[in-house]
Amino acid sequence: MFDSTKTMREITTEDPLFAEFLVSKGFPFTVDNPITELVTFDDVVNVRQLDRDAFLAEYEEYRAARA
């Protein structure tokens, strides 16, 4: 997977499909937003009160469907 302590910009630069997944889930995500240079995935999990493992499992399914 990815290092969830990296910034969202770093994560989505390394894995652009994750950015697409976030948008598909209704996140107002764009790498043009300067906050992506500061916020980590762990921050997103905490603020949005996500089940981290379930969210990442859903992403893995999303990724597999696009392979």
N, C-alpha and C. Protein backbone atom coordinates (compact mmCIF):
# COMPACT_ATOMS: atom_id res chain seq x y z
N MET A 1 0.86 -1.17 0.00
CA MET A 1 0.00 0.00 0.00
C MET A 1 0.90 1.23 0.00
N PHE A 2 0.61 2.21 0.83
CA PHE A 2 1.42 3.42 0.87
C PHE A 2 1.67 3.82 2.31
N ASP A 3 2.61 4.71 2.50
CA ASP A 3 2.95 5.22 3.82
C ASP A 3 1.92 6.30 4.16
N SER A 4 1.03 6.01 5.09
CA SER A 4 -0.07 6.91 5.41
C SER A 4 0.37 8.15 6.20
N THR A 5 1.66 8.23 6.51
CA THR A 5 2.16 9.44 7.17
C THR A 5 2.69 10.45 6.15
N LYS A 6 2.73 10.04 4.87
CA LYS A 6 3.11 10.98 3.82
C LYS A 6 1.95 11.94 3.57
N THR A 7 2.27 13.06 2.96
CA THR A 7 1.19 14.01 2.65
C THR A 7 0.32 13.43 1.55
N MET A 8 -0.90 13.94 1.48
CA MET A 8 -1.82 13.48 0.45
C MET A 8 -1.27 13.77 -0.94
N ARG A 9 -0.56 14.85 -1.09
CA ARG A 9 0.04 15.14 -2.40
C ARG A 9 1.08 14.09 -2.76
N GLU A 10 1.92 13.70 -1.80
CA GLU A 10 2.93 12.68 -2.06
C GLU A 10 2.27 11.34 -2.42
N ILE A 11 1.26 10.98 -1.65
CA ILE A 11 0.57 9.70 -1.87
C ILE A 11 -0.05 9.65 -3.26
N THR A 12 -0.77 10.71 -3.62
CA THR A 12 -1.48 10.69 -4.90
C THR A 12 -0.56 10.93 -6.08
N THR A 13 0.59 11.53 -5.86
CA THR A 13 1.57 11.65 -6.93
C THR A 13 2.16 10.27 -7.23
N GLU A 14 2.40 9.50 -6.17
CA GLU A 14 2.93 8.15 -6.34
C GLU A 14 1.86 7.18 -6.84
N ASP A 15 0.60 7.43 -6.49
CA ASP A 15 -0.50 6.54 -6.85
C ASP A 15 -1.70 7.38 -7.30
N PRO A 16 -1.68 7.85 -8.55
CA PRO A 16 -2.76 8.72 -9.05
C PRO A 16 -4.15 8.09 -8.98
N LEU A 17 -4.23 6.77 -9.03
CA LEU A 17 -5.52 6.12 -8.94
C LEU A 17 -6.18 6.37 -7.58
N PHE A 18 -5.37 6.57 -6.54
CA PHE A 18 -5.93 6.86 -5.22
C PHE A 18 -6.66 8.20 -5.24
N ALA A 19 -6.13 9.16 -5.96
CA ALA A 19 -6.81 10.46 -6.09
C ALA A 19 -8.17 10.27 -6.76
N GLU A 20 -8.20 9.46 -7.80
CA GLU A 20 -9.45 9.16 -8.50
C GLU A 20 -10.45 8.48 -7.56
N PHE A 21 -9.95 7.56 -6.76
CA PHE A 21 -10.79 6.86 -5.79
C PHE A 21 -11.38 7.84 -4.78
N LEU A 22 -10.57 8.74 -4.27
CA LEU A 22 -11.06 9.73 -3.30
C LEU A 22 -12.20 10.55 -3.89
N VAL A 23 -12.03 10.99 -5.12
CA VAL A 23 -13.07 11.78 -5.78
C VAL A 23 -14.34 10.93 -5.95
N SER A 24 -14.17 9.67 -6.32
CA SER A 24 -15.32 8.78 -6.50
C SER A 24 -16.08 8.57 -5.19
N LYS A 25 -15.39 8.72 -4.07
CA LYS A 25 -16.01 8.58 -2.74
C LYS A 25 -16.59 9.89 -2.22
N GLY A 26 -16.53 10.94 -3.05
CA GLY A 26 -17.13 12.21 -2.65
C GLY A 26 -16.20 13.17 -1.94
N PHE A 27 -14.92 12.84 -1.89
CA PHE A 27 -13.97 13.76 -1.27
C PHE A 27 -13.69 14.91 -2.24
N PRO A 28 -13.67 16.12 -1.75
CA PRO A 28 -13.36 17.26 -2.61
C PRO A 28 -11.85 17.35 -2.83
N PHE A 29 -11.30 16.37 -3.53
CA PHE A 29 -9.86 16.24 -3.61
C PHE A 29 -9.33 16.70 -4.95
N THR A 30 -8.27 17.51 -4.90
CA THR A 30 -7.48 17.88 -6.05
C THR A 30 -6.07 18.19 -5.56
N VAL A 31 -5.06 17.76 -6.31
CA VAL A 31 -3.69 18.03 -5.90
C VAL A 31 -3.35 19.51 -6.01
N ASP A 32 -4.19 20.28 -6.69
CA ASP A 32 -3.96 21.71 -6.80
C ASP A 32 -4.25 22.45 -5.49
N ASN A 33 -4.97 21.80 -4.60
CA ASN A 33 -5.29 22.39 -3.31
C ASN A 33 -4.03 22.37 -2.43
N PRO A 34 -3.58 23.53 -1.95
CA PRO A 34 -2.34 23.58 -1.16
C PRO A 34 -2.39 22.75 0.14
N ILE A 35 -3.58 22.48 0.65
CA ILE A 35 -3.68 21.72 1.89
C ILE A 35 -3.13 20.30 1.71
N THR A 36 -3.13 19.81 0.45
CA THR A 36 -2.63 18.45 0.21
C THR A 36 -1.14 18.33 0.49
N GLU A 37 -0.45 19.47 0.59
CA GLU A 37 0.97 19.44 0.95
C GLU A 37 1.18 19.29 2.44
N LEU A 38 0.12 19.44 3.22
CA LEU A 38 0.23 19.40 4.68
C LEU A 38 -0.48 18.20 5.31
N VAL A 39 -1.61 17.82 4.74
CA VAL A 39 -2.47 16.79 5.33
C VAL A 39 -1.99 15.40 4.92
N THR A 40 -1.94 14.51 5.89
CA THR A 40 -1.59 13.12 5.64
C THR A 40 -2.86 12.27 5.54
N PHE A 41 -2.71 11.06 5.07
CA PHE A 41 -3.87 10.16 5.05
C PHE A 41 -4.34 9.88 6.47
N ASP A 42 -3.42 9.75 7.41
CA ASP A 42 -3.80 9.55 8.81
C ASP A 42 -4.66 10.71 9.31
N ASP A 43 -4.33 11.94 8.89
CA ASP A 43 -5.15 13.10 9.26
C ASP A 43 -6.57 12.96 8.71
N VAL A 44 -6.66 12.54 7.45
CA VAL A 44 -7.97 12.37 6.81
C VAL A 44 -8.79 11.32 7.56
N VAL A 45 -8.15 10.23 7.91
CA VAL A 45 -8.83 9.17 8.65
C VAL A 45 -9.39 9.71 9.96
N ASN A 46 -8.59 10.49 10.66
CA ASN A 46 -9.03 11.04 11.95
C ASN A 46 -10.15 12.06 11.80
N VAL A 47 -10.00 12.99 10.86
CA VAL A 47 -10.99 14.05 10.69
C VAL A 47 -12.31 13.48 10.19
N ARG A 48 -12.23 12.56 9.24
CA ARG A 48 -13.45 11.98 8.65
C ARG A 48 -13.97 10.79 9.44
N GLN A 49 -13.26 10.40 10.49
CA GLN A 49 -13.62 9.26 11.32
C GLN A 49 -13.86 8.02 10.47
N LEU A 50 -12.89 7.73 9.60
CA LEU A 50 -12.98 6.58 8.72
C LEU A 50 -12.47 5.33 9.41
N ASP A 51 -13.00 4.21 9.00
CA ASP A 51 -12.43 2.93 9.37
C ASP A 51 -11.29 2.71 8.38
N ARG A 52 -10.09 2.96 8.83
CA ARG A 52 -8.91 2.96 7.96
C ARG A 52 -8.79 1.68 7.16
N ASP A 53 -8.88 0.54 7.83
CA ASP A 53 -8.70 -0.74 7.15
C ASP A 53 -9.80 -1.00 6.13
N ALA A 54 -11.04 -0.68 6.48
CA ALA A 54 -12.16 -0.87 5.55
C ALA A 54 -12.02 0.04 4.34
N PHE A 55 -11.60 1.27 4.57
CA PHE A 55 -11.44 2.23 3.47
C PHE A 55 -10.34 1.75 2.52
N LEU A 56 -9.23 1.29 3.07
CA LEU A 56 -8.13 0.80 2.23
C LEU A 56 -8.50 -0.50 1.52
N ALA A 57 -9.29 -1.34 2.16
CA ALA A 57 -9.75 -2.57 1.50
C ALA A 57 -10.66 -2.22 0.32
N GLU A 58 -11.50 -1.22 0.51
CA GLU A 58 -12.37 -0.78 -0.59
C GLU A 58 -11.52 -0.21 -1.73
N TYR A 59 -10.46 0.49 -1.38
CA TYR A 59 -9.57 1.00 -2.42
C TYR A 59 -8.90 -0.13 -3.18
N GLU A 60 -8.49 -1.17 -2.48
CA GLU A 60 -7.88 -2.32 -3.15
C GLU A 60 -8.85 -2.95 -4.14
N GLU A 61 -10.12 -3.03 -3.78
CA GLU A 61 -11.15 -3.55 -4.69
C GLU A 61 -11.29 -2.64 -5.90
N TYR A 62 -11.29 -1.34 -5.65
CA TYR A 62 -11.39 -0.34 -6.73
C TYR A 62 -10.21 -0.48 -7.68
N ARG A 63 -9.04 -0.64 -7.12
CA ARG A 63 -7.82 -0.77 -7.93
C ARG A 63 -7.86 -2.05 -8.75
N ALA A 64 -8.28 -3.15 -8.13
CA ALA A 64 -8.34 -4.43 -8.82
C ALA A 64 -9.35 -4.38 -9.97
N ALA A 65 -10.44 -3.67 -9.79
CA ALA A 65 -11.46 -3.56 -10.83
C ALA A 65 -10.96 -2.76 -12.03
N ARG A 66 -9.96 -1.93 -11.82
CA ARG A 66 -9.42 -1.10 -12.89
C ARG A 66 -8.17 -1.71 -13.56
N ALA A 67 -7.72 -2.84 -13.01
CA ALA A 67 -6.50 -3.47 -13.55
C ALA A 67 -6.78 -4.28 -14.80
